[in-house]
Amino acid sequence: MAVWNWNDGKCLEFKMDTRYRHTYIKSHQTCYLDYRLLFCCGQYAHIVVLHATSLAVLFTLASNSQPDWISSFVVVTHPNQRSKFLFMMLL
């Protein structure tokens, strides 16, 4: 994955993590964080949540009982409430 400068098109950061091969990435901005989150799923058995500008893995969402349960997801939050809850509907 790479972070690019929108103005001049230069690559600011590049990270190669052989543990993950992402096939779906959803960007999300919460009202209680000053940075965006990247929710990623792919050819691995959990959802990986990355810091959007540093590409650091913040945490993972996993299932012990159904390890192959994720192929896609939708991130839903309430627009008018400052909630620290994040609801994910798995498709």
N, C-alpha and C. Protein backbone atom coordinates (compact mmCIF):
# COMPACT_ATOMS: atom_id res chain seq x y z
N MET A 1 0.85 -1.17 0.00
CA MET A 1 0.00 0.00 0.00
C MET A 1 0.89 1.23 0.00
N ALA A 2 0.36 2.31 -0.53
CA ALA A 2 1.14 3.54 -0.62
C ALA A 2 0.28 4.74 -0.26
N VAL A 3 0.92 5.76 0.29
CA VAL A 3 0.29 7.05 0.55
C VAL A 3 0.89 8.03 -0.45
N TRP A 4 0.01 8.73 -1.19
CA TRP A 4 0.45 9.63 -2.24
C TRP A 4 0.09 11.07 -1.90
N ASN A 5 0.94 12.01 -2.33
CA ASN A 5 0.63 13.42 -2.21
C ASN A 5 -0.36 13.77 -3.32
N TRP A 6 -1.50 14.30 -2.95
CA TRP A 6 -2.56 14.60 -3.90
C TRP A 6 -2.14 15.72 -4.86
N ASN A 7 -1.32 16.68 -4.41
CA ASN A 7 -0.95 17.83 -5.23
C ASN A 7 0.12 17.52 -6.27
N ASP A 8 1.20 16.86 -5.87
CA ASP A 8 2.29 16.65 -6.83
C ASP A 8 2.43 15.20 -7.30
N GLY A 9 1.62 14.29 -6.77
CA GLY A 9 1.63 12.91 -7.23
C GLY A 9 2.80 12.07 -6.75
N LYS A 10 3.55 12.57 -5.77
CA LYS A 10 4.70 11.82 -5.26
C LYS A 10 4.26 10.83 -4.19
N CYS A 11 4.95 9.71 -4.16
CA CYS A 11 4.69 8.68 -3.15
C CYS A 11 5.34 9.13 -1.84
N LEU A 12 4.54 9.26 -0.78
CA LEU A 12 5.05 9.69 0.51
C LEU A 12 5.49 8.51 1.37
N GLU A 13 4.79 7.42 1.25
CA GLU A 13 5.10 6.24 2.06
C GLU A 13 4.64 4.99 1.33
N PHE A 14 5.42 3.95 1.45
CA PHE A 14 5.07 2.67 0.84
C PHE A 14 5.34 1.57 1.86
N LYS A 15 4.33 0.72 2.07
CA LYS A 15 4.49 -0.39 3.01
C LYS A 15 4.08 -1.69 2.34
N MET A 16 4.94 -2.66 2.43
CA MET A 16 4.66 -3.99 1.92
C MET A 16 4.51 -4.91 3.12
N ASP A 17 3.33 -5.47 3.28
CA ASP A 17 3.07 -6.40 4.37
C ASP A 17 2.61 -7.71 3.75
N THR A 18 3.45 -8.71 3.79
CA THR A 18 3.15 -9.98 3.12
C THR A 18 2.08 -10.79 3.84
N ARG A 19 1.69 -10.38 5.05
CA ARG A 19 0.62 -11.09 5.77
C ARG A 19 -0.74 -10.84 5.15
N TYR A 20 -0.90 -9.70 4.46
CA TYR A 20 -2.22 -9.30 3.98
C TYR A 20 -2.21 -9.04 2.48
N ARG A 21 -3.21 -9.57 1.81
CA ARG A 21 -3.48 -9.23 0.41
C ARG A 21 -4.91 -8.71 0.36
N HIS A 22 -5.04 -7.38 0.37
CA HIS A 22 -6.35 -6.74 0.45
C HIS A 22 -7.10 -6.86 -0.88
N THR A 23 -8.38 -7.19 -0.79
CA THR A 23 -9.24 -7.20 -1.97
C THR A 23 -10.35 -6.16 -1.86
N TYR A 24 -10.58 -5.64 -0.64
CA TYR A 24 -11.62 -4.62 -0.44
C TYR A 24 -11.16 -3.70 0.67
N ILE A 25 -11.20 -2.39 0.43
CA ILE A 25 -10.79 -1.39 1.41
C ILE A 25 -11.87 -0.32 1.49
N LYS A 26 -12.27 0.02 2.71
CA LYS A 26 -13.28 1.06 2.94
C LYS A 26 -12.67 2.10 3.87
N SER A 27 -12.65 3.35 3.44
CA SER A 27 -12.15 4.46 4.25
C SER A 27 -13.28 4.99 5.12
N HIS A 28 -12.95 5.35 6.36
CA HIS A 28 -13.98 5.86 7.27
C HIS A 28 -13.39 6.93 8.18
N GLN A 29 -14.11 8.04 8.35
CA GLN A 29 -13.72 9.12 9.26
C GLN A 29 -14.72 9.17 10.40
N THR A 30 -14.24 8.99 11.62
CA THR A 30 -15.12 9.09 12.78
C THR A 30 -15.06 10.51 13.33
N CYS A 31 -16.06 10.88 14.11
CA CYS A 31 -16.10 12.23 14.67
C CYS A 31 -15.18 12.36 15.89
N TYR A 32 -14.72 11.26 16.45
CA TYR A 32 -13.91 11.32 17.66
C TYR A 32 -12.42 11.06 17.41
N LEU A 33 -12.03 10.86 16.16
CA LEU A 33 -10.61 10.71 15.81
C LEU A 33 -10.22 11.79 14.82
N ASP A 34 -8.97 12.22 14.85
CA ASP A 34 -8.52 13.25 13.91
C ASP A 34 -7.83 12.64 12.68
N TYR A 35 -8.03 11.37 12.45
CA TYR A 35 -7.47 10.70 11.28
C TYR A 35 -8.48 9.69 10.75
N ARG A 36 -8.29 9.31 9.51
CA ARG A 36 -9.17 8.33 8.87
C ARG A 36 -8.71 6.92 9.18
N LEU A 37 -9.65 6.00 9.13
CA LEU A 37 -9.38 4.58 9.30
C LEU A 37 -9.60 3.88 7.97
N LEU A 38 -8.80 2.88 7.69
CA LEU A 38 -9.00 2.04 6.51
C LEU A 38 -9.38 0.64 7.00
N PHE A 39 -10.59 0.21 6.67
CA PHE A 39 -11.05 -1.14 7.00
C PHE A 39 -10.77 -2.01 5.79
N CYS A 40 -9.99 -3.06 5.97
CA CYS A 40 -9.55 -3.89 4.85
C CYS A 40 -9.91 -5.35 5.08
N CYS A 41 -10.35 -6.02 4.02
CA CYS A 41 -10.50 -7.47 4.06
C CYS A 41 -9.92 -8.03 2.78
N GLY A 42 -9.66 -9.32 2.78
CA GLY A 42 -9.04 -9.91 1.61
C GLY A 42 -8.77 -11.37 1.79
N GLN A 43 -7.59 -11.79 1.37
CA GLN A 43 -7.24 -13.20 1.42
C GLN A 43 -6.62 -13.55 2.77
N TYR A 44 -7.37 -13.27 3.81
CA TYR A 44 -7.03 -13.58 5.20
C TYR A 44 -8.34 -13.61 5.98
N ALA A 45 -8.32 -14.12 7.19
CA ALA A 45 -9.56 -14.47 7.90
C ALA A 45 -10.06 -13.41 8.88
N HIS A 46 -9.78 -12.13 8.65
CA HIS A 46 -10.26 -11.09 9.56
C HIS A 46 -10.30 -9.74 8.83
N ILE A 47 -10.79 -8.73 9.52
CA ILE A 47 -10.78 -7.36 9.00
C ILE A 47 -9.60 -6.65 9.66
N VAL A 48 -8.77 -6.03 8.87
CA VAL A 48 -7.61 -5.28 9.36
C VAL A 48 -7.97 -3.80 9.32
N VAL A 49 -7.72 -3.09 10.42
CA VAL A 49 -7.99 -1.65 10.49
C VAL A 49 -6.65 -0.92 10.53
N LEU A 50 -6.45 -0.06 9.53
CA LEU A 50 -5.19 0.67 9.39
C LEU A 50 -5.39 2.16 9.64
N HIS A 51 -4.35 2.82 10.12
CA HIS A 51 -4.30 4.29 10.18
C HIS A 51 -4.06 4.75 8.74
N ALA A 52 -4.89 5.63 8.23
CA ALA A 52 -4.86 5.97 6.80
C ALA A 52 -3.60 6.70 6.36
N THR A 53 -2.96 7.46 7.22
CA THR A 53 -1.77 8.20 6.79
C THR A 53 -0.46 7.50 7.11
N SER A 54 -0.42 6.70 8.16
CA SER A 54 0.81 5.98 8.49
C SER A 54 0.80 4.54 7.99
N LEU A 55 -0.37 4.03 7.62
CA LEU A 55 -0.59 2.65 7.18
C LEU A 55 -0.24 1.63 8.26
N ALA A 56 -0.20 2.07 9.52
CA ALA A 56 0.06 1.16 10.63
C ALA A 56 -1.21 0.37 10.95
N VAL A 57 -1.04 -0.91 11.28
CA VAL A 57 -2.18 -1.73 11.70
C VAL A 57 -2.56 -1.31 13.11
N LEU A 58 -3.81 -0.83 13.28
CA LEU A 58 -4.29 -0.41 14.59
C LEU A 58 -4.89 -1.58 15.36
N PHE A 59 -5.71 -2.37 14.69
CA PHE A 59 -6.29 -3.56 15.31
C PHE A 59 -6.92 -4.42 14.23
N THR A 60 -7.35 -5.61 14.61
CA THR A 60 -8.04 -6.50 13.69
C THR A 60 -9.36 -6.94 14.31
N LEU A 61 -10.31 -7.26 13.47
CA LEU A 61 -11.60 -7.80 13.89
C LEU A 61 -11.65 -9.23 13.36
N ALA A 62 -11.82 -10.19 14.27
CA ALA A 62 -11.73 -11.59 13.86
C ALA A 62 -12.83 -12.41 14.51
N SER A 63 -13.08 -13.55 13.94
CA SER A 63 -14.05 -14.50 14.47
C SER A 63 -13.35 -15.83 14.72
N ASN A 64 -13.43 -16.31 15.96
CA ASN A 64 -12.83 -17.60 16.28
C ASN A 64 -13.67 -18.76 15.76
N SER A 65 -14.99 -18.58 15.73
CA SER A 65 -15.86 -19.68 15.34
C SER A 65 -16.02 -19.83 13.83
N GLN A 66 -15.97 -18.72 13.09
CA GLN A 66 -16.13 -18.74 11.64
C GLN A 66 -14.98 -17.97 11.00
N PRO A 67 -13.81 -18.58 10.84
CA PRO A 67 -12.65 -17.83 10.37
C PRO A 67 -12.72 -17.36 8.92
N ASP A 68 -13.58 -17.94 8.10
CA ASP A 68 -13.68 -17.53 6.70
C ASP A 68 -14.97 -16.78 6.42
N TRP A 69 -15.39 -15.92 7.32
CA TRP A 69 -16.70 -15.29 7.25
C TRP A 69 -16.71 -13.97 6.51
N ILE A 70 -15.60 -13.42 6.12
CA ILE A 70 -15.58 -12.06 5.58
C ILE A 70 -15.24 -12.08 4.10
N SER A 71 -16.13 -11.51 3.29
CA SER A 71 -15.80 -11.29 1.89
C SER A 71 -16.04 -9.83 1.51
N SER A 72 -16.91 -9.15 2.25
CA SER A 72 -17.20 -7.74 2.04
C SER A 72 -17.87 -7.21 3.29
N PHE A 73 -17.98 -5.90 3.43
CA PHE A 73 -18.62 -5.31 4.60
C PHE A 73 -19.05 -3.89 4.28
N VAL A 74 -19.91 -3.36 5.13
CA VAL A 74 -20.38 -1.98 5.03
C VAL A 74 -20.19 -1.35 6.41
N VAL A 75 -19.62 -0.15 6.47
CA VAL A 75 -19.43 0.56 7.73
C VAL A 75 -20.57 1.55 7.89
N VAL A 76 -21.27 1.48 9.03
CA VAL A 76 -22.43 2.34 9.28
C VAL A 76 -22.26 3.02 10.62
N THR A 77 -22.42 4.34 10.66
CA THR A 77 -22.45 5.09 11.91
C THR A 77 -23.62 6.07 11.85
N HIS A 78 -24.04 6.54 13.00
CA HIS A 78 -25.14 7.51 13.05
C HIS A 78 -24.58 8.91 12.79
N PRO A 79 -25.09 9.64 11.80
CA PRO A 79 -24.49 10.93 11.42
C PRO A 79 -24.71 12.06 12.42
N ASN A 80 -25.73 11.97 13.27
CA ASN A 80 -26.06 13.08 14.16
C ASN A 80 -25.65 12.85 15.60
N GLN A 81 -24.99 11.76 15.90
CA GLN A 81 -24.61 11.47 17.27
C GLN A 81 -23.12 11.21 17.36
N ARG A 82 -22.53 11.70 18.41
CA ARG A 82 -21.11 11.45 18.66
C ARG A 82 -21.00 10.11 19.39
N SER A 83 -21.05 9.08 18.63
CA SER A 83 -21.05 7.74 19.18
C SER A 83 -19.70 7.07 18.97
N LYS A 84 -19.27 6.30 19.93
CA LYS A 84 -18.03 5.55 19.79
C LYS A 84 -18.30 4.12 19.36
N PHE A 85 -19.47 3.88 18.84
CA PHE A 85 -19.82 2.55 18.36
C PHE A 85 -19.70 2.52 16.84
N LEU A 86 -19.23 1.45 16.35
CA LEU A 86 -19.11 1.25 14.91
C LEU A 86 -19.84 -0.04 14.58
N PHE A 87 -20.82 0.05 13.71
CA PHE A 87 -21.60 -1.12 13.33
C PHE A 87 -21.12 -1.58 11.96
N MET A 88 -20.90 -2.85 11.84
CA MET A 88 -20.48 -3.41 10.56
C MET A 88 -21.46 -4.49 10.16
N MET A 89 -21.98 -4.36 8.96
CA MET A 89 -22.86 -5.38 8.40
C MET A 89 -22.03 -6.18 7.42
N LEU A 90 -21.95 -7.46 7.63
CA LEU A 90 -21.18 -8.31 6.73
C LEU A 90 -22.07 -8.81 5.62
N LEU A 91 -21.58 -8.74 4.41
CA LEU A 91 -22.35 -9.15 3.24
C LEU A 91 -21.86 -10.48 2.72
